Amino acid sequence: MPPLPSLAAQAERLVELGVHDHAGTTAEEVREFVREAGGERDDVLLAVHPDRAPASVLAPLLRREDKAGFVVVDMPDVDDFAPTGIDVPDAPLYLVAGIDRGDHLSNWSPEEALPALTKEERTPLLLTEGIHWVLQEPAALERNRCFMTIGSRLRKANGAFDARTPAIWISNGTGRDGRERRDAPKVGWCWWGNRHTWLGFGSTTGRSAQGLS
């Protein structure tokens, strides 16, 4: 994978897209945050807390071959998929380190991949973190090499988890996606127990609102 843009460039990208408004911060506050974290760094991702900039806000900002990103029609509850078993910094902005697409886990189910990531001392990406990654580095999403974001899950009213797990991939323009969306970035879901040869599992080595070594 190519390196991320510098933190300074990532900040400008979020400001350009207006994401900082959802974070409840000013453009200058975003720039100051990355200056303190090391503006020229290209080894960490700048993310906005999912409670402030949810997936429904971020997904349409994605672009691939001039096609806008979208959320599948049968996931109207996309923003209810919340961090599960993950400590997210209690701050508008935070950093995500050591991002990996998890290609080596392709053709594993989420049920199988989660303990493997834990054994590697990694935690799965949140859906919003995965979208932030593709916003900043579109090359993170390739045909036949896309990824799931199983750090976000939906708990049902009875306390059990919904079997759907979110993922980010590239639309083929079939079915309800619509032919006009072929090649567009797509936020969708897969079953917790199913395997897919073309989906890895996005993960990170850590998150911090203070900067990471």
N, C-alpha and C. Protein backbone atom coordinates (compact mmCIF):
# COMPACT_ATOMS: atom_id res chain seq x y z
N MET A 1 0.83 -1.19 0.00
CA MET A 1 0.00 0.00 0.00
C MET A 1 0.87 1.25 0.00
N PRO A 2 0.50 2.28 -0.77
CA PRO A 2 1.25 3.53 -0.72
C PRO A 2 1.06 4.20 0.62
N PRO A 3 2.02 5.05 1.03
CA PRO A 3 1.85 5.76 2.31
C PRO A 3 0.68 6.72 2.23
N LEU A 4 0.17 7.06 3.38
CA LEU A 4 -0.86 8.08 3.46
C LEU A 4 -0.29 9.44 3.09
N PRO A 5 -1.12 10.38 2.71
CA PRO A 5 -0.64 11.76 2.61
C PRO A 5 -0.18 12.23 3.99
N SER A 6 0.58 13.30 4.02
CA SER A 6 1.00 13.84 5.30
C SER A 6 -0.23 14.25 6.11
N LEU A 7 -0.05 14.31 7.43
CA LEU A 7 -1.16 14.75 8.27
C LEU A 7 -1.66 16.13 7.87
N ALA A 8 -0.73 17.01 7.50
CA ALA A 8 -1.13 18.35 7.08
C ALA A 8 -2.02 18.28 5.84
N ALA A 9 -1.66 17.42 4.89
CA ALA A 9 -2.47 17.27 3.69
C ALA A 9 -3.82 16.63 4.01
N GLN A 10 -3.81 15.69 4.94
CA GLN A 10 -5.08 15.07 5.36
C GLN A 10 -6.01 16.11 5.98
N ALA A 11 -5.43 16.99 6.80
CA ALA A 11 -6.24 18.03 7.43
C ALA A 11 -6.89 18.91 6.37
N GLU A 12 -6.11 19.29 5.36
CA GLU A 12 -6.66 20.16 4.31
C GLU A 12 -7.75 19.44 3.52
N ARG A 13 -7.58 18.14 3.34
CA ARG A 13 -8.59 17.37 2.63
C ARG A 13 -9.91 17.38 3.40
N LEU A 14 -9.86 17.16 4.71
CA LEU A 14 -11.08 17.17 5.51
C LEU A 14 -11.73 18.55 5.53
N VAL A 15 -10.89 19.58 5.60
CA VAL A 15 -11.42 20.95 5.58
C VAL A 15 -12.09 21.24 4.24
N GLU A 16 -11.43 20.83 3.16
CA GLU A 16 -11.98 21.04 1.82
C GLU A 16 -13.35 20.38 1.67
N LEU A 17 -13.51 19.20 2.28
CA LEU A 17 -14.77 18.47 2.18
C LEU A 17 -15.81 18.92 3.20
N GLY A 18 -15.40 19.79 4.12
CA GLY A 18 -16.32 20.29 5.13
C GLY A 18 -16.54 19.35 6.30
N VAL A 19 -15.69 18.32 6.42
CA VAL A 19 -15.87 17.35 7.50
C VAL A 19 -15.62 17.99 8.86
N HIS A 20 -14.76 18.99 8.89
CA HIS A 20 -14.47 19.64 10.17
C HIS A 20 -15.72 20.28 10.78
N ASP A 21 -16.66 20.69 9.94
CA ASP A 21 -17.91 21.27 10.46
C ASP A 21 -18.69 20.23 11.27
N HIS A 22 -18.70 18.99 10.77
CA HIS A 22 -19.39 17.92 11.50
C HIS A 22 -18.66 17.61 12.81
N ALA A 23 -17.34 17.78 12.81
CA ALA A 23 -16.57 17.52 14.02
C ALA A 23 -16.78 18.59 15.08
N GLY A 24 -17.40 19.70 14.70
CA GLY A 24 -17.60 20.79 15.64
C GLY A 24 -16.32 21.57 15.90
N THR A 25 -15.41 21.55 14.93
CA THR A 25 -14.15 22.26 15.06
C THR A 25 -14.00 23.24 13.90
N THR A 26 -13.12 24.19 14.07
CA THR A 26 -12.81 25.11 12.98
C THR A 26 -11.68 24.53 12.15
N ALA A 27 -11.51 25.07 10.96
CA ALA A 27 -10.41 24.64 10.10
C ALA A 27 -9.08 24.84 10.80
N GLU A 28 -8.92 25.95 11.49
CA GLU A 28 -7.66 26.22 12.16
C GLU A 28 -7.41 25.24 13.31
N GLU A 29 -8.46 24.84 13.99
CA GLU A 29 -8.30 23.85 15.07
C GLU A 29 -7.84 22.50 14.52
N VAL A 30 -8.33 22.13 13.35
CA VAL A 30 -7.87 20.90 12.72
C VAL A 30 -6.39 21.02 12.37
N ARG A 31 -6.02 22.16 11.79
CA ARG A 31 -4.61 22.35 11.41
C ARG A 31 -3.70 22.36 12.62
N GLU A 32 -4.17 22.97 13.71
CA GLU A 32 -3.36 23.01 14.92
C GLU A 32 -3.20 21.61 15.51
N PHE A 33 -4.24 20.81 15.45
CA PHE A 33 -4.17 19.43 15.95
C PHE A 33 -3.07 18.65 15.23
N VAL A 34 -3.05 18.75 13.90
CA VAL A 34 -2.05 17.97 13.17
C VAL A 34 -0.65 18.57 13.31
N ARG A 35 -0.55 19.88 13.48
CA ARG A 35 0.77 20.47 13.73
C ARG A 35 1.36 19.90 15.01
N GLU A 36 0.55 19.79 16.04
CA GLU A 36 1.03 19.27 17.31
C GLU A 36 1.37 17.79 17.22
N ALA A 37 0.68 17.07 16.32
CA ALA A 37 0.92 15.63 16.16
C ALA A 37 2.09 15.35 15.22
N GLY A 38 2.53 16.37 14.48
CA GLY A 38 3.61 16.20 13.51
C GLY A 38 3.06 16.23 12.11
N GLY A 39 2.90 17.42 11.56
CA GLY A 39 2.18 17.63 10.32
C GLY A 39 2.72 16.91 9.11
N GLU A 40 4.02 16.58 9.11
CA GLU A 40 4.60 15.93 7.93
C GLU A 40 4.53 14.41 8.00
N ARG A 41 4.03 13.88 9.08
CA ARG A 41 3.94 12.43 9.21
C ARG A 41 3.00 11.84 8.17
N ASP A 42 3.37 10.67 7.62
CA ASP A 42 2.51 9.99 6.66
C ASP A 42 2.23 8.55 7.09
N ASP A 43 2.39 8.30 8.40
CA ASP A 43 2.21 6.93 8.90
C ASP A 43 0.99 6.79 9.80
N VAL A 44 0.19 7.83 9.90
CA VAL A 44 -1.03 7.78 10.72
C VAL A 44 -2.17 8.44 9.96
N LEU A 45 -3.38 7.98 10.28
CA LEU A 45 -4.59 8.50 9.65
C LEU A 45 -5.30 9.47 10.58
N LEU A 46 -5.74 10.59 10.06
CA LEU A 46 -6.53 11.55 10.80
C LEU A 46 -8.00 11.16 10.68
N ALA A 47 -8.67 10.98 11.82
CA ALA A 47 -10.07 10.56 11.81
C ALA A 47 -10.91 11.47 12.70
N VAL A 48 -12.17 11.58 12.35
CA VAL A 48 -13.16 12.31 13.15
C VAL A 48 -13.98 11.27 13.92
N HIS A 49 -14.29 11.56 15.16
CA HIS A 49 -15.06 10.64 15.99
C HIS A 49 -16.36 10.26 15.27
N PRO A 50 -16.72 8.96 15.27
CA PRO A 50 -17.91 8.54 14.53
C PRO A 50 -19.21 9.15 15.02
N ASP A 51 -19.27 9.59 16.27
CA ASP A 51 -20.48 10.25 16.74
C ASP A 51 -20.66 11.62 16.11
N ARG A 52 -19.59 12.19 15.61
CA ARG A 52 -19.65 13.54 15.02
C ARG A 52 -19.76 13.50 13.50
N ALA A 53 -19.05 12.58 12.87
CA ALA A 53 -19.12 12.44 11.41
C ALA A 53 -19.40 10.97 11.10
N PRO A 54 -20.68 10.58 11.10
CA PRO A 54 -21.04 9.17 10.89
C PRO A 54 -20.86 8.73 9.44
N ALA A 55 -21.03 7.45 9.22
CA ALA A 55 -20.80 6.87 7.89
C ALA A 55 -21.72 7.48 6.84
N SER A 56 -22.96 7.79 7.20
CA SER A 56 -23.89 8.35 6.21
C SER A 56 -23.43 9.70 5.70
N VAL A 57 -22.66 10.43 6.50
CA VAL A 57 -22.11 11.72 6.10
C VAL A 57 -20.85 11.53 5.26
N LEU A 58 -20.01 10.57 5.65
CA LEU A 58 -18.71 10.40 5.00
C LEU A 58 -18.79 9.65 3.67
N ALA A 59 -19.64 8.63 3.59
CA ALA A 59 -19.66 7.78 2.40
C ALA A 59 -19.88 8.55 1.10
N PRO A 60 -20.81 9.52 1.04
CA PRO A 60 -21.02 10.24 -0.23
C PRO A 60 -19.83 11.10 -0.65
N LEU A 61 -18.87 11.31 0.26
CA LEU A 61 -17.69 12.11 -0.08
C LEU A 61 -16.63 11.30 -0.80
N LEU A 62 -16.76 9.97 -0.76
CA LEU A 62 -15.79 9.12 -1.45
C LEU A 62 -15.91 9.32 -2.96
N ARG A 63 -14.79 9.15 -3.65
CA ARG A 63 -14.79 9.26 -5.10
C ARG A 63 -13.88 8.19 -5.70
N ARG A 64 -14.34 7.61 -6.82
CA ARG A 64 -13.52 6.70 -7.60
C ARG A 64 -13.93 6.85 -9.05
N GLU A 65 -12.97 7.23 -9.89
CA GLU A 65 -13.27 7.47 -11.30
C GLU A 65 -14.48 8.40 -11.45
N ASP A 66 -14.49 9.45 -10.66
CA ASP A 66 -15.54 10.47 -10.69
C ASP A 66 -16.91 9.96 -10.24
N LYS A 67 -16.95 8.77 -9.67
CA LYS A 67 -18.20 8.23 -9.14
C LYS A 67 -18.23 8.47 -7.63
N ALA A 68 -19.35 8.99 -7.14
CA ALA A 68 -19.49 9.27 -5.71
C ALA A 68 -19.78 7.99 -4.94
N GLY A 69 -19.30 7.93 -3.71
CA GLY A 69 -19.57 6.81 -2.84
C GLY A 69 -21.02 6.78 -2.39
N PHE A 70 -21.46 5.64 -1.91
CA PHE A 70 -22.84 5.51 -1.45
C PHE A 70 -22.96 4.37 -0.45
N VAL A 71 -24.06 4.37 0.29
CA VAL A 71 -24.41 3.30 1.22
C VAL A 71 -25.51 2.47 0.57
N VAL A 72 -25.41 1.15 0.63
CA VAL A 72 -26.42 0.29 0.01
C VAL A 72 -27.80 0.58 0.60
N VAL A 73 -28.82 0.39 -0.21
CA VAL A 73 -30.17 0.78 0.18
C VAL A 73 -30.70 -0.05 1.35
N ASP A 74 -30.19 -1.28 1.51
CA ASP A 74 -30.69 -2.11 2.59
C ASP A 74 -29.86 -1.97 3.86
N MET A 75 -29.20 -0.81 3.99
CA MET A 75 -28.47 -0.50 5.22
C MET A 75 -28.84 0.91 5.68
N PRO A 76 -30.14 1.20 5.83
CA PRO A 76 -30.54 2.54 6.27
C PRO A 76 -30.12 2.85 7.70
N ASP A 77 -29.77 1.80 8.44
CA ASP A 77 -29.34 1.95 9.83
C ASP A 77 -27.82 1.98 9.96
N VAL A 78 -27.14 2.36 8.89
CA VAL A 78 -25.67 2.31 8.87
C VAL A 78 -25.04 3.03 10.05
N ASP A 79 -25.64 4.14 10.48
CA ASP A 79 -25.03 4.92 11.57
C ASP A 79 -25.24 4.29 12.94
N ASP A 80 -26.04 3.24 12.99
CA ASP A 80 -26.25 2.54 14.26
C ASP A 80 -25.18 1.47 14.51
N PHE A 81 -24.32 1.25 13.51
CA PHE A 81 -23.22 0.31 13.70
C PHE A 81 -22.12 1.04 14.47
N ALA A 82 -21.98 0.68 15.73
CA ALA A 82 -21.15 1.45 16.66
C ALA A 82 -19.87 0.70 17.03
N PRO A 83 -18.86 1.42 17.55
CA PRO A 83 -17.64 0.76 18.00
C PRO A 83 -17.96 -0.32 19.03
N THR A 84 -17.39 -1.49 18.82
CA THR A 84 -17.66 -2.63 19.69
C THR A 84 -16.36 -3.26 20.16
N GLY A 85 -16.14 -3.22 21.47
CA GLY A 85 -14.91 -3.78 22.02
C GLY A 85 -13.69 -2.94 21.70
N ILE A 86 -13.90 -1.67 21.40
CA ILE A 86 -12.81 -0.78 20.97
C ILE A 86 -12.90 0.52 21.75
N ASP A 87 -11.77 0.97 22.24
CA ASP A 87 -11.70 2.25 22.94
C ASP A 87 -11.40 3.35 21.92
N VAL A 88 -12.39 4.17 21.65
CA VAL A 88 -12.21 5.29 20.73
C VAL A 88 -11.93 6.54 21.56
N PRO A 89 -10.88 7.28 21.25
CA PRO A 89 -10.58 8.50 22.02
C PRO A 89 -11.79 9.42 22.12
N ASP A 90 -12.00 9.94 23.30
CA ASP A 90 -13.12 10.84 23.55
C ASP A 90 -12.71 12.25 23.13
N ALA A 91 -12.65 12.46 21.83
CA ALA A 91 -12.20 13.73 21.27
C ALA A 91 -12.76 13.86 19.86
N PRO A 92 -12.92 15.08 19.37
CA PRO A 92 -13.44 15.25 18.00
C PRO A 92 -12.54 14.63 16.95
N LEU A 93 -11.21 14.80 17.14
CA LEU A 93 -10.22 14.31 16.19
C LEU A 93 -9.28 13.33 16.88
N TYR A 94 -8.86 12.31 16.16
CA TYR A 94 -7.87 11.40 16.72
C TYR A 94 -7.06 10.76 15.59
N LEU A 95 -6.01 10.07 15.97
CA LEU A 95 -5.11 9.44 15.01
C LEU A 95 -5.24 7.93 15.07
N VAL A 96 -5.10 7.31 13.91
CA VAL A 96 -5.16 5.85 13.80
C VAL A 96 -3.84 5.38 13.19
N ALA A 97 -3.15 4.50 13.90
CA ALA A 97 -1.79 4.09 13.50
C ALA A 97 -1.78 2.68 12.91
N GLY A 98 -0.75 2.42 12.11
CA GLY A 98 -0.48 1.07 11.63
C GLY A 98 -1.62 0.43 10.87
N ILE A 99 -2.25 1.18 10.00
CA ILE A 99 -3.41 0.65 9.26
C ILE A 99 -2.96 -0.42 8.27
N ASP A 100 -3.75 -1.47 8.23
CA ASP A 100 -3.49 -2.57 7.29
C ASP A 100 -4.82 -3.04 6.72
N ARG A 101 -4.80 -3.43 5.46
CA ARG A 101 -6.03 -3.85 4.78
C ARG A 101 -6.40 -5.30 5.08
N GLY A 102 -5.47 -6.04 5.63
CA GLY A 102 -5.75 -7.42 6.02
C GLY A 102 -5.94 -8.36 4.86
N ASP A 103 -5.17 -8.15 3.77
CA ASP A 103 -5.29 -9.04 2.62
C ASP A 103 -5.01 -10.49 2.99
N HIS A 104 -4.14 -10.70 3.99
CA HIS A 104 -3.79 -12.07 4.37
C HIS A 104 -4.94 -12.82 5.01
N LEU A 105 -6.00 -12.09 5.34
CA LEU A 105 -7.18 -12.72 5.92
C LEU A 105 -8.33 -12.84 4.92
N SER A 106 -8.04 -12.55 3.66
CA SER A 106 -9.07 -12.73 2.63
C SER A 106 -9.56 -14.18 2.65
N ASN A 107 -10.84 -14.33 2.44
CA ASN A 107 -11.50 -15.63 2.47
C ASN A 107 -11.64 -16.19 3.89
N TRP A 108 -11.49 -15.31 4.90
CA TRP A 108 -11.84 -15.65 6.27
C TRP A 108 -13.18 -14.99 6.56
N SER A 109 -13.94 -15.56 7.45
CA SER A 109 -15.16 -14.90 7.91
C SER A 109 -14.81 -13.91 9.00
N PRO A 110 -15.67 -12.91 9.26
CA PRO A 110 -15.42 -12.02 10.40
C PRO A 110 -15.26 -12.78 11.71
N GLU A 111 -16.05 -13.82 11.87
CA GLU A 111 -15.98 -14.64 13.08
C GLU A 111 -14.60 -15.25 13.25
N GLU A 112 -13.96 -15.62 12.15
CA GLU A 112 -12.62 -16.21 12.19
C GLU A 112 -11.54 -15.14 12.29
N ALA A 113 -11.77 -14.00 11.64
CA ALA A 113 -10.73 -12.97 11.55
C ALA A 113 -10.53 -12.22 12.87
N LEU A 114 -11.60 -11.99 13.61
CA LEU A 114 -11.47 -11.19 14.83
C LEU A 114 -10.47 -11.78 15.82
N PRO A 115 -10.53 -13.07 16.18
CA PRO A 115 -9.53 -13.60 17.10
C PRO A 115 -8.12 -13.59 16.51
N ALA A 116 -8.01 -13.71 15.20
CA ALA A 116 -6.69 -13.67 14.57
C ALA A 116 -6.08 -12.28 14.70
N LEU A 117 -6.88 -11.24 14.51
CA LEU A 117 -6.39 -9.88 14.68
C LEU A 117 -6.01 -9.62 16.13
N THR A 118 -6.83 -10.11 17.05
CA THR A 118 -6.52 -9.94 18.47
C THR A 118 -5.19 -10.60 18.82
N LYS A 119 -4.94 -11.76 18.27
CA LYS A 119 -3.68 -12.47 18.51
C LYS A 119 -2.50 -11.67 17.99
N GLU A 120 -2.72 -10.91 16.91
CA GLU A 120 -1.67 -10.07 16.34
C GLU A 120 -1.54 -8.73 17.07
N GLU A 121 -2.32 -8.55 18.13
CA GLU A 121 -2.36 -7.31 18.91
C GLU A 121 -2.80 -6.13 18.05
N ARG A 122 -3.81 -6.41 17.23
CA ARG A 122 -4.42 -5.39 16.39
C ARG A 122 -5.90 -5.34 16.70
N THR A 123 -6.54 -4.20 16.42
CA THR A 123 -7.98 -4.09 16.54
C THR A 123 -8.58 -3.74 15.19
N PRO A 124 -9.78 -4.25 14.88
CA PRO A 124 -10.38 -3.97 13.58
C PRO A 124 -10.76 -2.51 13.43
N LEU A 125 -10.71 -2.03 12.21
CA LEU A 125 -11.12 -0.66 11.92
C LEU A 125 -12.61 -0.49 12.13
N LEU A 126 -12.99 0.71 12.55
CA LEU A 126 -14.39 1.12 12.51
C LEU A 126 -14.77 1.41 11.07
N LEU A 127 -16.06 1.37 10.77
CA LEU A 127 -16.50 1.72 9.42
C LEU A 127 -16.07 3.13 9.06
N THR A 128 -16.25 4.08 9.98
CA THR A 128 -15.87 5.47 9.68
C THR A 128 -14.37 5.61 9.44
N GLU A 129 -13.57 4.84 10.17
CA GLU A 129 -12.11 4.89 9.96
C GLU A 129 -11.76 4.36 8.58
N GLY A 130 -12.44 3.29 8.16
CA GLY A 130 -12.19 2.77 6.83
C GLY A 130 -12.54 3.78 5.75
N ILE A 131 -13.65 4.49 5.95
CA ILE A 131 -14.03 5.52 4.98
C ILE A 131 -13.02 6.65 4.98
N HIS A 132 -12.58 7.09 6.15
CA HIS A 132 -11.54 8.11 6.22
C HIS A 132 -10.30 7.68 5.46
N TRP A 133 -9.92 6.43 5.59
CA TRP A 133 -8.74 5.92 4.91
C TRP A 133 -8.89 6.06 3.39
N VAL A 134 -10.03 5.63 2.87
CA VAL A 134 -10.23 5.70 1.41
C VAL A 134 -10.39 7.14 0.96
N LEU A 135 -10.95 8.00 1.80
CA LEU A 135 -11.02 9.43 1.47
C LEU A 135 -9.62 10.00 1.24
N GLN A 136 -8.69 9.59 2.11
CA GLN A 136 -7.34 10.13 2.04
C GLN A 136 -6.45 9.39 1.04
N GLU A 137 -6.70 8.11 0.87
CA GLU A 137 -5.88 7.30 -0.04
C GLU A 137 -6.79 6.37 -0.84
N PRO A 138 -7.36 6.87 -1.95
CA PRO A 138 -8.29 6.05 -2.74
C PRO A 138 -7.70 4.72 -3.19
N ALA A 139 -6.37 4.63 -3.31
CA ALA A 139 -5.74 3.38 -3.73
C ALA A 139 -5.88 2.28 -2.70
N ALA A 140 -6.36 2.62 -1.51
CA ALA A 140 -6.60 1.58 -0.49
C ALA A 140 -7.72 0.64 -0.92
N LEU A 141 -8.52 1.08 -1.88
CA LEU A 141 -9.65 0.28 -2.37
C LEU A 141 -9.34 -0.15 -3.79
N GLU A 142 -9.18 -1.45 -4.00
CA GLU A 142 -8.89 -1.99 -5.31
C GLU A 142 -9.88 -3.10 -5.62
N ARG A 143 -10.14 -3.30 -6.88
CA ARG A 143 -11.00 -4.43 -7.25
C ARG A 143 -10.34 -5.72 -6.79
N ASN A 144 -11.15 -6.57 -6.19
CA ASN A 144 -10.71 -7.86 -5.66
C ASN A 144 -9.79 -7.74 -4.46
N ARG A 145 -9.59 -6.51 -3.95
CA ARG A 145 -8.80 -6.30 -2.74
C ARG A 145 -9.44 -5.16 -1.94
N CYS A 146 -10.61 -5.46 -1.41
CA CYS A 146 -11.33 -4.49 -0.59
C CYS A 146 -11.33 -4.99 0.85
N PHE A 147 -12.09 -4.38 1.74
CA PHE A 147 -11.94 -4.78 3.14
C PHE A 147 -13.20 -4.55 3.97
N MET A 148 -13.28 -5.35 5.03
CA MET A 148 -14.35 -5.24 6.00
C MET A 148 -13.89 -4.37 7.16
N THR A 149 -14.85 -3.83 7.88
CA THR A 149 -14.56 -2.95 9.03
C THR A 149 -15.38 -3.45 10.21
N ILE A 150 -14.94 -4.54 10.78
CA ILE A 150 -15.76 -5.24 11.76
C ILE A 150 -15.64 -4.67 13.17
N GLY A 151 -14.93 -3.55 13.31
CA GLY A 151 -14.93 -2.86 14.60
C GLY A 151 -16.25 -2.17 14.89
N SER A 152 -17.08 -2.03 13.86
CA SER A 152 -18.41 -1.43 14.01
C SER A 152 -19.46 -2.54 13.89
N ARG A 153 -20.27 -2.66 14.93
CA ARG A 153 -21.33 -3.67 14.91
C ARG A 153 -22.63 -3.07 15.45
N LEU A 154 -23.72 -3.72 15.12
CA LEU A 154 -25.04 -3.27 15.54
C LEU A 154 -25.62 -4.25 16.55
N ARG A 155 -25.93 -3.73 17.74
CA ARG A 155 -26.55 -4.57 18.75
C ARG A 155 -28.07 -4.40 18.66
N LYS A 156 -28.77 -5.52 18.59
CA LYS A 156 -30.23 -5.49 18.46
C LYS A 156 -30.89 -5.25 19.82
N ALA A 157 -32.19 -5.02 19.79
CA ALA A 157 -32.92 -4.70 21.01
C ALA A 157 -32.85 -5.82 22.05
N ASN A 158 -32.69 -7.05 21.58
CA ASN A 158 -32.63 -8.18 22.52
C ASN A 158 -31.22 -8.42 23.06
N GLY A 159 -30.27 -7.55 22.67
CA GLY A 159 -28.91 -7.66 23.17
C GLY A 159 -27.96 -8.43 22.28
N ALA A 160 -28.50 -9.18 21.34
CA ALA A 160 -27.65 -9.94 20.41
C ALA A 160 -27.13 -9.02 19.31
N PHE A 161 -26.02 -9.44 18.70
CA PHE A 161 -25.48 -8.67 17.59
C PHE A 161 -26.21 -8.99 16.29
N ASP A 162 -26.45 -7.97 15.50
CA ASP A 162 -26.92 -8.16 14.14
C ASP A 162 -25.86 -8.94 13.38
N ALA A 163 -26.27 -9.88 12.54
CA ALA A 163 -25.31 -10.70 11.80
C ALA A 163 -24.64 -9.96 10.66
N ARG A 164 -25.16 -8.78 10.31
CA ARG A 164 -24.50 -7.99 9.27
C ARG A 164 -23.23 -7.34 9.82
N THR A 165 -22.21 -7.29 9.00
CA THR A 165 -20.98 -6.59 9.37
C THR A 165 -20.57 -5.70 8.20
N PRO A 166 -20.17 -4.45 8.48
CA PRO A 166 -19.95 -3.49 7.40
C PRO A 166 -18.64 -3.72 6.64
N ALA A 167 -18.65 -3.31 5.41
CA ALA A 167 -17.47 -3.44 4.54
C ALA A 167 -17.50 -2.32 3.51
N ILE A 168 -16.35 -2.09 2.90
CA ILE A 168 -16.21 -1.08 1.85
C ILE A 168 -15.64 -1.77 0.62
N TRP A 169 -16.34 -1.66 -0.49
CA TRP A 169 -15.83 -2.25 -1.72
C TRP A 169 -16.27 -1.43 -2.92
N ILE A 170 -16.13 -1.98 -4.11
CA ILE A 170 -16.39 -1.26 -5.35
C ILE A 170 -17.62 -1.87 -6.02
N SER A 171 -18.58 -1.04 -6.34
CA SER A 171 -19.82 -1.54 -6.93
C SER A 171 -19.60 -2.05 -8.35
N ASN A 172 -20.31 -3.12 -8.68
CA ASN A 172 -20.34 -3.62 -10.06
C ASN A 172 -21.51 -3.03 -10.85
N GLY A 173 -22.30 -2.19 -10.18
CA GLY A 173 -23.42 -1.56 -10.88
C GLY A 173 -24.57 -2.51 -11.14
N THR A 174 -24.65 -3.57 -10.36
CA THR A 174 -25.72 -4.55 -10.56
C THR A 174 -26.82 -4.36 -9.51
N GLY A 175 -27.96 -4.99 -9.76
CA GLY A 175 -29.05 -4.97 -8.79
C GLY A 175 -29.49 -3.57 -8.43
N ARG A 176 -29.74 -3.39 -7.14
CA ARG A 176 -30.26 -2.10 -6.68
C ARG A 176 -29.21 -1.00 -6.65
N ASP A 177 -27.94 -1.35 -6.84
CA ASP A 177 -26.92 -0.30 -6.93
C ASP A 177 -27.22 0.63 -8.11
N GLY A 178 -27.65 0.04 -9.24
CA GLY A 178 -27.89 0.82 -10.45
C GLY A 178 -26.67 0.86 -11.33
N ARG A 179 -26.86 0.74 -12.63
CA ARG A 179 -25.75 0.69 -13.58
C ARG A 179 -24.90 1.95 -13.53
N GLU A 180 -25.54 3.08 -13.20
CA GLU A 180 -24.80 4.34 -13.15
C GLU A 180 -23.78 4.37 -12.02
N ARG A 181 -23.87 3.44 -11.08
CA ARG A 181 -22.94 3.40 -9.95
C ARG A 181 -21.81 2.39 -10.14
N ARG A 182 -21.72 1.80 -11.30
CA ARG A 182 -20.62 0.86 -11.53
C ARG A 182 -19.29 1.58 -11.29
N ASP A 183 -18.40 0.94 -10.54
CA ASP A 183 -17.07 1.45 -10.18
C ASP A 183 -17.09 2.47 -9.04
N ALA A 184 -18.25 2.74 -8.47
CA ALA A 184 -18.32 3.68 -7.35
C ALA A 184 -17.93 2.99 -6.04
N PRO A 185 -17.33 3.72 -5.11
CA PRO A 185 -17.06 3.15 -3.77
C PRO A 185 -18.38 2.87 -3.06
N LYS A 186 -18.44 1.75 -2.41
CA LYS A 186 -19.71 1.28 -1.86
C LYS A 186 -19.55 0.85 -0.41
N VAL A 187 -20.42 1.33 0.44
CA VAL A 187 -20.49 0.86 1.83
C VAL A 187 -21.65 -0.12 1.91
N GLY A 188 -21.31 -1.34 2.27
CA GLY A 188 -22.33 -2.37 2.36
C GLY A 188 -22.09 -3.28 3.54
N TRP A 189 -22.59 -4.49 3.47
CA TRP A 189 -22.44 -5.41 4.60
C TRP A 189 -22.32 -6.84 4.09
N CYS A 190 -21.75 -7.67 4.95
CA CYS A 190 -21.65 -9.11 4.71
C CYS A 190 -22.04 -9.82 6.01
N TRP A 191 -22.36 -11.09 5.90
CA TRP A 191 -22.75 -11.84 7.09
C TRP A 191 -21.55 -12.18 7.95
N TRP A 192 -21.75 -12.19 9.26
CA TRP A 192 -20.69 -12.46 10.24
C TRP A 192 -20.00 -13.80 10.00
N GLY A 193 -20.73 -14.79 9.53
CA GLY A 193 -20.14 -16.12 9.37
C GLY A 193 -19.70 -16.46 7.96
N ASN A 194 -19.82 -15.51 7.01
CA ASN A 194 -19.50 -15.81 5.62
C ASN A 194 -18.09 -15.39 5.24
N ARG A 195 -17.52 -16.10 4.27
CA ARG A 195 -16.19 -15.79 3.74
C ARG A 195 -16.31 -15.16 2.35
N HIS A 196 -15.36 -14.28 2.03
CA HIS A 196 -15.32 -13.64 0.72
C HIS A 196 -13.86 -13.53 0.27
N THR A 197 -13.57 -14.07 -0.88
CA THR A 197 -12.18 -14.11 -1.35
C THR A 197 -11.61 -12.71 -1.61
N TRP A 198 -12.47 -11.73 -1.82
CA TRP A 198 -12.03 -10.40 -2.22
C TRP A 198 -12.10 -9.37 -1.09
N LEU A 199 -12.38 -9.84 0.13
CA LEU A 199 -12.47 -8.93 1.26
C LEU A 199 -11.46 -9.32 2.34
N GLY A 200 -10.56 -8.39 2.65
CA GLY A 200 -9.69 -8.55 3.80
C GLY A 200 -10.36 -7.91 5.01
N PHE A 201 -9.56 -7.62 6.04
CA PHE A 201 -10.10 -7.04 7.27
C PHE A 201 -9.21 -5.88 7.71
N GLY A 202 -9.71 -4.66 7.54
CA GLY A 202 -8.95 -3.49 7.94
C GLY A 202 -8.70 -3.50 9.44
N SER A 203 -7.47 -3.12 9.84
CA SER A 203 -7.15 -3.11 11.27
C SER A 203 -6.10 -2.05 11.57
N THR A 204 -5.88 -1.82 12.86
CA THR A 204 -4.95 -0.80 13.32
C THR A 204 -4.18 -1.31 14.53
N THR A 205 -3.03 -0.67 14.78
CA THR A 205 -2.24 -1.00 15.98
C THR A 205 -2.59 -0.07 17.14
N GLY A 206 -3.34 1.00 16.89
CA GLY A 206 -3.68 1.89 18.02
C GLY A 206 -4.33 3.17 17.58
N ARG A 207 -4.97 3.82 18.54
CA ARG A 207 -5.66 5.11 18.34
C ARG A 207 -5.27 6.05 19.46
N SER A 208 -5.17 7.34 19.15
CA SER A 208 -4.83 8.31 20.18
C SER A 208 -5.27 9.70 19.75
N ALA A 209 -5.67 10.51 20.73
CA ALA A 209 -6.00 11.90 20.46
C ALA A 209 -4.82 12.81 20.76
N GLN A 210 -3.71 12.24 21.21
CA GLN A 210 -2.55 13.03 21.61
C GLN A 210 -1.39 12.93 20.62
N GLY A 211 -1.43 12.00 19.73
CA GLY A 211 -0.27 11.74 18.87
C GLY A 211 0.29 10.38 19.20
N LEU A 212 0.85 9.71 18.23
CA LEU A 212 1.34 8.35 18.41
C LEU A 212 2.82 8.28 18.07
N SER A 213 3.56 7.51 18.83
CA SER A 213 5.00 7.36 18.55
C SER A 213 5.21 6.38 17.43
